[in-house]
Amino acid sequence: MSGSTAARALDVAVALAALALTLVVLGLEHNADHALDTRGVLLAAIAALPLVAHRRSPLAVFAITTAASATLNGLGYAVGPPFGPTIALFYVAADERTRSRVRETAVVVLGLFLAHILSTAAAHSGFPTSPVLFGIVVWGGAWMIGDQVQQRRRRRLDAAERLRRAQRDVERERRLAAAEERTRIARDLHDSAAHAINVILVQAGAARLLQQRDPDGARTALTTIEDVARETIGEIDLLVRGLRDGSAEAVEPPTGLAALGTLVERHQVGGLEVRVQVVGEPRPLAAGVDQSAYRILQESLTNAARHGDGSADVELRYTASDLRLTVRNPLGPGAAAPGTGHGILGMHERAALLGGELEAGVGEGEFTVAARLPYGEERP
């Protein structure tokens, strides 16, 4: 049985039960001026059966059932608990729409309650104190129970909405993390490939020029090409595996400043004169700072080899709060300065993700990259 069919069956059962109870009360002749007759049965049906439509308009159902119940009392039928109106009042209090029309609901409920009391008092000698007090207790209880049901339903809906919102936030964070990881992998891929291609290009040219007059130098250049190619292939394989798997754990951390000597040596073998100066006391660096510093130096030296006059000055300055990197290289005759491609953009992004900053530009015939990387951990 579907949910809507079960709810409809429950509504019908409740309405029939209310009708049956009302007929039982009306049949108590010792408490009535009129015995139960066809008119009484019809009014009892009107006071109970409209309950099946409470989902459409609970306030209208309450008004109809209460009016019929008041008419029964006014005509002198047996006075008893108004089952139909009481259940209808419960439905009104439990309905979510009541929250948006509290004033109108209060006017209708209080007005019909007063009419019910007056009709009962008019049909019986003396004021029916006990039925009235009983009605107040019953109707008040029905309203309180319905209101509690509504509040519990509201809390349940609010909890479900918070859960959905939390799930959406988690999913959004997951997508953002995946996007950031793809961006990081793209930066690493660019840096590795650009550096490797530049070294291979220089070394291949050197091997071609030295193969006749300096076979040992040519073999050294070819060995460097082989080492760089093997290392870069392994690095690219890890990066691509991380993109395919969608897992940050699949990508090993790139090399840090411990490999700076190897990086400088490769460029020097390729003909770039690199002078390195360390200022301050070197200290252990967080993984993000270490890796970003190496990548910035790698990209800067690659640009120096491609666009410079054959030399570059590197300064690593350890201060109390951050690591400062400076790479200067004179521009070669007729050489264009590095533009704003992926390499420069990637260096800016690396510094920004650490809460640092980077400047790159031409001044007095030199291209300068200056970065400041705080020692703290990466920002999430």
Protein backbone atom coordinates (compact mmCIF):
# COMPACT_ATOMS: atom_id res chain seq x y z
CA MET A 1 0.00 0.00 0.00
CA SER A 2 1.37 3.38 -1.02
CA GLY A 3 1.84 6.21 1.47
CA SER A 4 -1.04 8.29 0.09
CA THR A 5 -3.42 5.31 0.09
CA ALA A 6 -2.49 4.43 3.68
CA ALA A 7 -3.01 8.04 4.77
CA ARG A 8 -6.42 8.13 3.08
CA ALA A 9 -7.44 4.87 4.75
CA LEU A 10 -6.36 6.25 8.13
CA ASP A 11 -8.40 9.43 7.60
CA VAL A 12 -11.50 7.39 6.72
CA ALA A 13 -11.02 5.17 9.78
CA VAL A 14 -10.69 8.18 12.09
CA ALA A 15 -13.81 9.83 10.61
CA LEU A 16 -15.86 6.62 11.00
CA ALA A 17 -14.63 6.16 14.57
CA ALA A 18 -15.62 9.74 15.41
CA LEU A 19 -19.07 9.15 13.87
CA ALA A 20 -19.55 5.93 15.82
CA LEU A 21 -18.59 7.57 19.13
CA THR A 22 -20.89 10.52 18.41
CA LEU A 23 -23.82 8.20 17.68
CA VAL A 24 -23.16 6.31 20.90
CA VAL A 25 -23.30 9.56 22.90
CA LEU A 26 -26.46 10.70 21.09
CA GLY A 27 -28.10 7.40 21.94
CA LEU A 28 -27.89 8.12 25.68
CA GLU A 29 -31.51 9.21 26.05
CA HIS A 30 -31.26 9.92 29.79
CA ASN A 31 -29.09 12.91 28.96
CA ALA A 32 -31.15 14.30 26.09
CA ASP A 33 -34.38 16.14 25.34
CA HIS A 34 -34.62 14.37 21.96
CA ALA A 35 -33.98 10.74 21.17
CA LEU A 36 -31.65 9.88 18.36
CA ASP A 37 -33.46 10.21 15.02
CA THR A 38 -32.71 10.65 11.36
CA ARG A 39 -31.98 14.34 11.80
CA GLY A 40 -29.60 13.55 14.64
CA VAL A 41 -27.80 10.92 12.58
CA LEU A 42 -27.42 13.38 9.69
CA LEU A 43 -26.01 16.07 11.96
CA ALA A 44 -23.71 13.52 13.59
CA ALA A 45 -22.43 12.55 10.14
CA ILE A 46 -21.76 16.21 9.33
CA ALA A 47 -19.96 16.56 12.68
CA ALA A 48 -17.60 13.65 11.91
CA LEU A 49 -17.29 12.59 8.26
CA PRO A 50 -15.75 15.86 6.93
CA LEU A 51 -12.60 14.79 8.84
CA VAL A 52 -11.57 12.84 5.74
CA ALA A 53 -10.88 16.20 4.02
CA HIS A 54 -8.70 17.68 6.77
CA ARG A 55 -5.53 17.54 4.66
CA ARG A 56 -7.08 19.93 2.16
CA SER A 57 -8.45 22.53 4.59
CA PRO A 58 -8.33 21.67 8.30
CA LEU A 59 -9.79 24.98 9.42
CA ALA A 60 -12.82 24.60 7.14
CA VAL A 61 -13.32 21.03 8.39
CA PHE A 62 -13.19 22.30 11.97
CA ALA A 63 -15.77 24.99 11.21
CA ILE A 64 -18.19 22.49 9.59
CA THR A 65 -17.89 19.83 12.26
CA THR A 66 -18.17 22.36 15.11
CA ALA A 67 -21.23 24.01 13.57
CA ALA A 68 -22.92 20.60 13.23
CA SER A 69 -21.97 19.65 16.81
CA ALA A 70 -23.28 22.98 18.16
CA THR A 71 -26.53 22.42 16.28
CA LEU A 72 -26.88 18.98 17.87
CA ASN A 73 -26.47 20.47 21.33
CA GLY A 74 -28.79 23.38 20.52
CA LEU A 75 -31.55 21.01 19.42
CA GLY A 76 -31.45 19.21 22.75
CA TYR A 77 -29.68 16.03 21.80
CA ALA A 78 -27.45 14.37 24.37
CA VAL A 79 -24.51 16.49 25.44
CA GLY A 80 -21.15 14.73 25.25
CA PRO A 81 -17.61 15.17 24.04
CA PRO A 82 -17.62 16.72 20.57
CA PHE A 83 -15.47 14.03 18.99
CA GLY A 84 -15.46 15.35 15.43
CA PRO A 85 -14.63 18.99 16.31
CA THR A 86 -11.99 17.86 18.83
CA ILE A 87 -10.19 15.75 16.25
CA ALA A 88 -10.58 18.55 13.69
CA LEU A 89 -9.02 21.00 16.16
CA PHE A 90 -6.08 18.63 16.57
CA TYR A 91 -5.64 18.64 12.80
CA VAL A 92 -5.75 22.45 12.74
CA ALA A 93 -3.05 22.72 15.41
CA ALA A 94 -0.88 20.10 13.69
CA ASP A 95 -1.15 21.68 10.24
CA GLU A 96 1.87 23.64 9.04
CA ARG A 97 -0.34 26.29 7.39
CA THR A 98 -1.66 27.35 10.78
CA ARG A 99 1.70 29.03 11.52
CA SER A 100 1.07 31.59 8.79
CA ARG A 101 -2.51 32.42 9.80
CA VAL A 102 -2.53 32.36 13.58
CA ARG A 103 -4.87 35.36 13.95
CA GLU A 104 -7.52 34.03 11.59
CA THR A 105 -7.34 30.60 13.20
CA ALA A 106 -7.70 32.04 16.70
CA VAL A 107 -10.79 34.05 15.69
CA VAL A 108 -12.48 31.01 14.11
CA VAL A 109 -11.62 28.62 16.96
CA LEU A 110 -12.65 30.95 19.78
CA GLY A 111 -15.78 32.07 17.96
CA LEU A 112 -16.95 28.51 17.28
CA PHE A 113 -16.09 27.41 20.81
CA LEU A 114 -18.25 30.24 22.22
CA ALA A 115 -21.06 29.32 19.82
CA HIS A 116 -20.83 25.71 20.98
CA ILE A 117 -21.14 26.78 24.64
CA LEU A 118 -24.05 29.14 23.98
CA SER A 119 -25.98 26.55 21.98
CA THR A 120 -25.50 24.00 24.74
CA ALA A 121 -26.61 26.47 27.42
CA ALA A 122 -29.66 27.53 25.38
CA ALA A 123 -30.96 23.97 24.99
CA HIS A 124 -30.64 22.90 28.60
CA SER A 125 -31.98 24.20 31.87
CA GLY A 126 -29.19 25.83 33.74
CA PHE A 127 -25.65 26.34 32.59
CA PRO A 128 -23.97 23.04 31.62
CA THR A 129 -20.88 23.64 33.70
CA SER A 130 -19.48 20.13 33.57
CA PRO A 131 -19.77 19.69 29.79
CA VAL A 132 -18.28 23.13 29.23
CA LEU A 133 -15.31 22.52 31.51
CA PHE A 134 -14.83 19.11 29.98
CA GLY A 135 -14.92 20.67 26.51
CA ILE A 136 -12.32 23.24 27.50
CA VAL A 137 -10.00 20.54 28.79
CA VAL A 138 -10.55 18.31 25.76
CA TRP A 139 -10.20 21.05 23.17
CA GLY A 140 -7.23 22.58 24.98
CA GLY A 141 -5.56 19.17 25.11
CA ALA A 142 -6.28 18.56 21.42
CA TRP A 143 -4.72 21.90 20.51
CA MET A 144 -1.62 21.29 22.65
CA ILE A 145 -1.08 17.80 21.29
CA GLY A 146 -1.53 19.00 17.70
CA ASP A 147 0.87 21.88 18.29
CA GLN A 148 3.48 19.48 19.69
CA VAL A 149 3.06 17.25 16.66
CA GLN A 150 3.58 20.24 14.39
CA GLN A 151 6.68 21.34 16.29
CA ARG A 152 8.13 17.85 16.21
CA ARG A 153 7.48 17.62 12.48
CA ARG A 154 9.11 21.03 12.03
CA ARG A 155 12.15 19.93 14.03
CA ARG A 156 12.39 16.78 11.96
CA LEU A 157 12.15 18.76 8.73
CA ASP A 158 14.71 21.26 9.99
CA ALA A 159 17.06 18.43 10.94
CA ALA A 160 16.61 16.87 7.50
CA GLU A 161 17.28 20.23 5.85
CA ARG A 162 20.41 20.73 7.96
CA LEU A 163 21.56 17.26 6.96
CA ARG A 164 20.95 18.00 3.28
CA ARG A 165 22.75 21.33 3.64
CA ALA A 166 25.67 19.63 5.37
CA GLN A 167 25.81 17.02 2.62
CA ARG A 168 25.76 19.75 -0.02
CA ASP A 169 28.54 21.58 1.82
CA VAL A 170 30.60 18.40 2.04
CA GLU A 171 30.07 17.73 -1.65
CA ARG A 172 30.96 21.32 -2.53
CA GLU A 173 34.09 21.13 -0.40
CA ARG A 174 34.97 17.84 -2.06
CA ARG A 175 34.59 19.36 -5.52
CA LEU A 176 36.61 22.42 -4.50
CA ALA A 177 39.33 20.23 -3.05
CA ALA A 178 39.37 18.15 -6.21
CA ALA A 179 39.57 21.29 -8.35
CA GLU A 180 42.40 22.68 -6.22
CA GLU A 181 44.22 19.37 -6.45
CA ARG A 182 43.84 19.30 -10.23
CA THR A 183 45.17 22.86 -10.37
CA ARG A 184 48.14 21.88 -8.22
CA ILE A 185 48.83 18.85 -10.41
CA ALA A 186 48.58 21.02 -13.53
CA ARG A 187 51.15 23.42 -12.06
CA ASP A 188 53.50 20.57 -11.20
CA LEU A 189 53.01 19.01 -14.61
CA HIS A 190 53.79 22.28 -16.34
CA ASP A 191 56.87 22.93 -14.22
CA SER A 192 58.24 19.42 -14.64
CA ALA A 193 57.61 19.26 -18.36
CA ALA A 194 58.90 22.78 -19.06
CA HIS A 195 62.06 22.21 -17.04
CA ALA A 196 62.72 18.80 -18.59
CA ILE A 197 62.15 19.97 -22.15
CA ASN A 198 64.40 22.97 -21.66
CA VAL A 199 67.23 20.86 -20.16
CA ILE A 200 66.84 18.22 -22.86
CA LEU A 201 66.88 20.90 -25.56
CA VAL A 202 70.07 22.48 -24.23
CA GLN A 203 71.80 19.18 -23.62
CA ALA A 204 70.83 17.82 -27.03
CA GLY A 205 72.32 20.90 -28.65
CA ALA A 206 75.48 20.52 -26.60
CA ALA A 207 75.80 16.84 -27.53
CA ARG A 208 75.40 17.68 -31.20
CA LEU A 209 78.11 20.33 -31.05
CA LEU A 210 80.52 18.26 -28.94
CA GLN A 211 80.17 14.86 -30.55
CA GLN A 212 83.25 15.35 -32.76
CA ARG A 213 85.65 17.44 -30.70
CA ASP A 214 84.65 16.39 -27.18
CA PRO A 215 83.09 12.92 -27.10
CA ASP A 216 83.20 12.79 -23.29
CA GLY A 217 81.26 16.07 -23.04
CA ALA A 218 78.74 14.76 -25.54
CA ARG A 219 78.30 11.57 -23.52
CA THR A 220 77.82 13.66 -20.37
CA ALA A 221 75.12 15.69 -22.11
CA LEU A 222 73.38 12.54 -23.31
CA THR A 223 73.56 11.05 -19.82
CA THR A 224 71.95 14.20 -18.44
CA ILE A 225 69.20 13.93 -21.05
CA GLU A 226 68.58 10.32 -20.09
CA ASP A 227 68.45 11.10 -16.37
CA VAL A 228 66.13 14.09 -16.80
CA ALA A 229 63.85 12.18 -19.16
CA ARG A 230 63.62 9.17 -16.84
CA GLU A 231 62.96 11.34 -13.79
CA THR A 232 60.37 13.47 -15.59
CA ILE A 233 58.55 10.45 -17.00
CA GLY A 234 58.24 9.03 -13.50
CA GLU A 235 56.98 12.35 -12.16
CA ILE A 236 54.47 12.81 -14.95
CA ASP A 237 53.27 9.23 -14.46
CA LEU A 238 52.52 9.96 -10.81
CA LEU A 239 50.75 13.21 -11.68
CA VAL A 240 48.61 11.61 -14.38
CA ARG A 241 47.79 8.71 -12.05
CA GLY A 242 46.56 11.24 -9.49
CA LEU A 243 44.32 12.88 -12.09
CA ARG A 244 42.95 9.52 -13.22
CA ASP A 245 42.31 8.19 -9.73
CA GLY A 246 41.02 11.52 -8.38
CA SER A 247 43.09 10.92 -5.28
CA ALA A 248 45.61 13.31 -3.80
CA GLU A 249 47.33 10.35 -2.10
CA ALA A 250 48.26 8.91 -5.50
CA VAL A 251 50.65 11.81 -6.13
CA GLU A 252 53.96 11.80 -4.29
CA PRO A 253 55.18 15.16 -2.99
CA PRO A 254 57.43 16.93 -5.49
CA THR A 255 61.06 17.57 -4.77
CA GLY A 256 62.04 20.24 -2.26
CA LEU A 257 65.03 22.52 -1.74
CA ALA A 258 67.20 19.51 -0.89
CA ALA A 259 67.42 18.92 -4.65
CA LEU A 260 68.46 22.50 -5.42
CA GLY A 261 72.06 21.41 -5.96
CA THR A 262 71.01 18.90 -8.62
CA LEU A 263 68.81 21.51 -10.27
CA VAL A 264 71.67 24.04 -10.41
CA GLU A 265 74.12 21.42 -11.67
CA ARG A 266 71.87 20.45 -14.55
CA HIS A 267 71.51 24.04 -15.65
CA GLN A 268 75.23 24.62 -15.33
CA VAL A 269 75.95 21.56 -17.48
CA GLY A 270 73.56 23.05 -19.99
CA GLY A 271 75.55 26.28 -20.09
CA LEU A 272 73.69 28.46 -17.60
CA GLU A 273 75.99 29.96 -15.01
CA VAL A 274 74.09 29.89 -11.73
CA ARG A 275 75.34 31.62 -8.60
CA VAL A 276 73.55 30.70 -5.37
CA GLN A 277 73.73 32.73 -2.17
CA VAL A 278 72.12 31.69 1.12
CA VAL A 279 71.49 34.43 3.69
CA GLY A 280 70.48 33.58 7.25
CA GLU A 281 70.33 30.26 9.05
CA PRO A 282 68.62 27.54 6.98
CA ARG A 283 65.82 25.83 8.83
CA PRO A 284 63.46 22.90 8.26
CA LEU A 285 60.52 23.94 6.12
CA ALA A 286 56.95 22.74 5.96
CA ALA A 287 56.33 20.46 2.99
CA GLY A 288 54.26 23.04 1.11
CA VAL A 289 56.83 25.80 1.56
CA ASP A 290 59.70 23.48 0.62
CA GLN A 291 58.01 22.18 -2.52
CA SER A 292 56.75 25.58 -3.65
CA ALA A 293 60.19 27.16 -3.15
CA TYR A 294 61.77 24.47 -5.31
CA ARG A 295 59.15 24.82 -8.05
CA ILE A 296 59.52 28.61 -8.11
CA LEU A 297 63.30 28.30 -8.44
CA GLN A 298 62.91 25.60 -11.09
CA GLU A 299 60.58 27.73 -13.20
CA SER A 300 62.75 30.83 -12.70
CA LEU A 301 65.92 29.05 -13.83
CA THR A 302 64.07 27.53 -16.79
CA ASN A 303 63.02 31.04 -17.85
CA ALA A 304 66.59 32.29 -17.29
CA ALA A 305 67.97 29.55 -19.53
CA ARG A 306 65.44 30.29 -22.27
CA HIS A 307 65.39 34.09 -22.18
CA GLY A 308 68.58 35.17 -20.37
CA ASP A 309 72.15 35.84 -21.43
CA GLY A 310 73.52 32.66 -19.82
CA SER A 311 73.72 33.58 -16.14
CA ALA A 312 71.43 33.81 -13.13
CA ASP A 313 71.81 34.86 -9.52
CA VAL A 314 69.77 33.03 -6.87
CA GLU A 315 69.36 34.26 -3.31
CA LEU A 316 67.66 32.33 -0.51
CA ARG A 317 67.09 34.53 2.52
CA TYR A 318 65.84 32.96 5.74
CA THR A 319 64.20 35.58 7.94
CA ALA A 320 62.41 35.18 11.26
CA SER A 321 58.98 34.72 9.64
CA ASP A 322 59.44 33.72 6.02
CA LEU A 323 61.67 32.46 3.25
CA ARG A 324 62.51 35.00 0.54
CA LEU A 325 63.60 33.86 -2.89
CA THR A 326 65.13 36.14 -5.51
CA VAL A 327 66.26 35.08 -8.97
CA ARG A 328 67.83 37.65 -11.30
CA ASN A 329 69.03 37.05 -14.81
CA PRO A 330 70.14 39.61 -17.43
CA LEU A 331 68.13 39.36 -20.61
CA GLY A 332 70.02 38.18 -23.66
CA PRO A 333 70.42 40.41 -26.73
CA GLY A 334 67.09 40.62 -28.48
CA ALA A 335 65.52 38.16 -26.05
CA ALA A 336 61.97 38.70 -24.95
CA ALA A 337 61.14 38.67 -21.27
CA PRO A 338 58.97 35.84 -20.00
CA GLY A 339 55.33 36.76 -20.41
CA THR A 340 52.34 35.97 -18.24
CA GLY A 341 52.00 32.34 -19.27
CA HIS A 342 51.25 29.31 -17.14
CA GLY A 343 54.70 29.31 -15.57
CA ILE A 344 54.49 32.83 -14.13
CA LEU A 345 50.86 32.28 -13.18
CA GLY A 346 51.75 29.05 -11.43
CA MET A 347 54.45 30.78 -9.38
CA HIS A 348 51.96 33.46 -8.28
CA GLU A 349 49.47 30.77 -7.28
CA ARG A 350 52.03 28.84 -5.26
CA ALA A 351 52.99 31.91 -3.26
CA ALA A 352 49.38 32.98 -2.75
CA LEU A 353 48.31 29.54 -1.47
CA LEU A 354 50.92 29.85 1.27
CA GLY A 355 49.77 33.33 2.24
CA GLY A 356 52.82 34.88 0.58
CA GLU A 357 53.40 36.97 -2.49
CA LEU A 358 55.46 36.97 -5.66
CA GLU A 359 56.54 39.66 -8.08
CA ALA A 360 58.03 39.06 -11.51
CA GLY A 361 59.10 41.69 -14.02
CA VAL A 362 61.82 43.42 -16.00
CA GLY A 363 63.95 46.25 -14.64
CA GLU A 364 67.25 47.68 -15.85
CA GLY A 365 67.81 44.89 -18.36
CA GLU A 366 67.18 42.14 -15.82
CA PHE A 367 64.28 39.84 -15.27
CA THR A 368 63.63 39.41 -11.55
CA VAL A 369 61.47 36.98 -9.65
CA ALA A 370 61.04 37.83 -5.97
CA ALA A 371 58.92 35.62 -3.72
CA ARG A 372 58.06 35.71 -0.03
CA LEU A 373 56.86 32.44 1.48
CA PRO A 374 55.75 32.40 5.14
CA TYR A 375 56.96 29.43 7.18
CA GLY A 376 53.44 28.45 8.26
CA GLU A 377 51.52 25.51 6.83
CA GLU A 378 49.51 25.77 3.64
CA ARG A 379 46.10 27.31 3.77
CA PRO A 380 43.27 24.80 3.39
